[in-house]
Amino acid sequence: MLTVALLTALLATDPPDEAPIPPGVVALEEPGRYRSNRSFDETIEFYKRSFRRVWGLRWHHIVSLPGIKAKNIECQRKKSNWEGINIYEHAGEVRIYVIPRERPPEPPPKPAPKTGAPPATTRAR
């Protein structure tokens, strides 16, 4: 029993920093958007196999309308460069959109102290 728990812990991994893209996809003009040469089900199967032992992901069913299929993979790992992947099919065409993770702006660097000037001191009165 302990062996199974250890093996499961060793096989579970973090989501990759970069979102995996199925082989053979065509990048579109807008960054992060791709057209898949596979069917919707084959594309979903690719991601299920890619993320089989990965923790920190959630699958969401986005919409169920006639002629439209869509799923979202949410990455909950804050260190990854992607927030989610939308996979959708409309009019027989499968598209993939990698949602980039918004990063807060880094604070500006503190100015270096001037050399040669004596440090400011305060006197107790």
Protein backbone atom coordinates (compact mmCIF):
# COMPACT_ATOMS: atom_id res chain seq x y z
CA MET A 1 0.00 0.00 0.00
CA LEU A 2 2.83 2.37 0.86
CA THR A 3 4.55 1.49 -2.40
CA VAL A 4 1.47 2.50 -4.40
CA ALA A 5 1.25 5.85 -2.55
CA LEU A 6 4.94 6.57 -3.14
CA LEU A 7 4.72 5.61 -6.80
CA THR A 8 1.68 7.85 -7.29
CA ALA A 9 3.46 10.75 -5.61
CA LEU A 10 6.53 10.28 -7.79
CA LEU A 11 4.52 10.13 -11.02
CA ALA A 12 2.44 13.25 -10.28
CA THR A 13 4.08 16.33 -11.70
CA ASP A 14 3.50 20.05 -12.01
CA PRO A 15 1.88 21.47 -15.13
CA PRO A 16 4.54 22.50 -17.65
CA ASP A 17 5.61 26.15 -17.66
CA GLU A 18 4.79 26.37 -21.35
CA ALA A 19 1.48 25.00 -22.60
CA PRO A 20 1.88 21.87 -24.75
CA ILE A 21 0.75 22.22 -28.34
CA PRO A 22 -0.24 19.15 -30.42
CA PRO A 23 2.14 18.34 -33.27
CA GLY A 24 1.04 19.53 -36.69
CA VAL A 25 -0.99 22.55 -35.55
CA VAL A 26 -0.86 25.74 -37.59
CA ALA A 27 -0.12 28.99 -35.75
CA LEU A 28 -2.59 31.75 -36.60
CA GLU A 29 -1.93 35.49 -36.84
CA GLU A 30 -2.91 36.27 -33.25
CA PRO A 31 -0.36 35.06 -30.67
CA GLY A 32 -1.45 31.97 -28.76
CA ARG A 33 -4.03 30.87 -31.33
CA TYR A 34 -3.68 27.69 -33.37
CA ARG A 35 -5.69 25.63 -35.85
CA SER A 36 -5.53 21.90 -35.15
CA ASN A 37 -5.29 19.35 -37.94
CA ARG A 38 -6.98 16.81 -35.66
CA SER A 39 -10.63 16.39 -34.77
CA PHE A 40 -12.00 17.90 -31.57
CA ASP A 41 -12.03 14.50 -29.84
CA GLU A 42 -8.47 13.69 -30.97
CA THR A 43 -7.27 17.09 -29.72
CA ILE A 44 -8.96 16.55 -26.34
CA GLU A 45 -7.38 13.07 -26.17
CA PHE A 46 -3.93 14.60 -26.84
CA TYR A 47 -4.34 16.91 -23.84
CA LYS A 48 -5.72 14.16 -21.63
CA ARG A 49 -2.65 12.03 -22.41
CA SER A 50 -0.31 15.01 -21.98
CA PHE A 51 -1.78 15.88 -18.58
CA ARG A 52 -2.48 12.33 -17.37
CA ARG A 53 -0.32 12.55 -14.24
CA VAL A 54 -0.24 16.31 -13.81
CA TRP A 55 -1.79 17.96 -10.77
CA GLY A 56 -3.01 21.55 -10.57
CA LEU A 57 -5.29 21.42 -13.61
CA ARG A 58 -9.06 21.67 -13.91
CA TRP A 59 -11.15 20.75 -16.92
CA HIS A 60 -14.26 22.83 -17.65
CA HIS A 61 -17.00 22.29 -20.19
CA ILE A 62 -17.49 25.75 -21.67
CA VAL A 63 -20.52 25.47 -23.94
CA SER A 64 -22.80 22.91 -25.47
CA LEU A 65 -24.62 24.37 -28.44
CA PRO A 66 -25.55 22.74 -31.74
CA GLY A 67 -22.48 22.79 -33.96
CA ILE A 68 -20.14 24.08 -31.24
CA LYS A 69 -17.99 22.10 -28.80
CA ALA A 70 -15.68 23.80 -26.31
CA LYS A 71 -13.56 22.85 -23.31
CA ASN A 72 -11.18 24.77 -21.09
CA ILE A 73 -8.14 23.49 -19.20
CA GLU A 74 -7.36 25.75 -16.26
CA CYS A 75 -3.81 25.76 -14.89
CA GLN A 76 -3.82 26.57 -11.18
CA ARG A 77 -0.04 26.66 -10.85
CA LYS A 78 0.87 30.34 -10.50
CA LYS A 79 4.44 29.87 -11.77
CA SER A 80 3.37 28.65 -15.22
CA ASN A 81 3.33 31.02 -18.18
CA TRP A 82 -0.20 30.01 -19.16
CA GLU A 83 -3.49 30.40 -17.35
CA GLY A 84 -5.57 28.09 -19.50
CA ILE A 85 -6.15 26.43 -22.84
CA ASN A 86 -9.41 26.77 -24.74
CA ILE A 87 -10.17 24.05 -27.27
CA TYR A 88 -13.19 24.60 -29.46
CA GLU A 89 -14.76 23.35 -32.66
CA HIS A 90 -17.06 25.29 -34.93
CA ALA A 91 -18.03 24.48 -38.52
CA GLY A 92 -15.71 21.48 -38.54
CA GLU A 93 -12.62 23.51 -37.63
CA VAL A 94 -10.78 22.92 -34.34
CA ARG A 95 -9.01 25.87 -32.75
CA ILE A 96 -6.76 26.08 -29.71
CA TYR A 97 -6.17 29.24 -27.70
CA VAL A 98 -3.46 29.35 -25.04
CA ILE A 99 -4.42 31.98 -22.47
CA PRO A 100 -1.25 33.67 -21.20
CA ARG A 101 -0.90 34.30 -17.49
CA GLU A 102 -1.10 37.97 -16.57
CA ARG A 103 1.94 38.96 -14.54
CA PRO A 104 1.83 41.95 -12.20
CA PRO A 105 4.35 44.62 -13.18
CA GLU A 106 7.64 44.36 -11.36
CA PRO A 107 8.40 47.24 -8.98
CA PRO A 108 11.08 49.63 -10.21
CA PRO A 109 14.54 48.98 -8.79
CA LYS A 110 15.53 51.01 -5.76
CA PRO A 111 18.06 53.72 -6.52
CA ALA A 112 21.59 52.89 -5.44
CA PRO A 113 22.84 54.92 -2.48
CA LYS A 114 25.21 57.69 -3.38
CA THR A 115 28.78 57.02 -2.34
CA GLY A 116 30.90 59.62 -0.61
CA ALA A 117 28.02 61.31 1.19
CA PRO A 118 27.80 60.69 4.94
CA PRO A 119 24.75 58.74 6.04
CA ALA A 120 21.88 60.75 7.44
CA THR A 121 21.74 60.58 11.23
CA THR A 122 19.26 61.85 13.74
CA ARG A 123 20.10 63.13 17.17
CA ALA A 124 18.12 62.40 20.26
CA ARG A 125 17.08 65.57 22.09
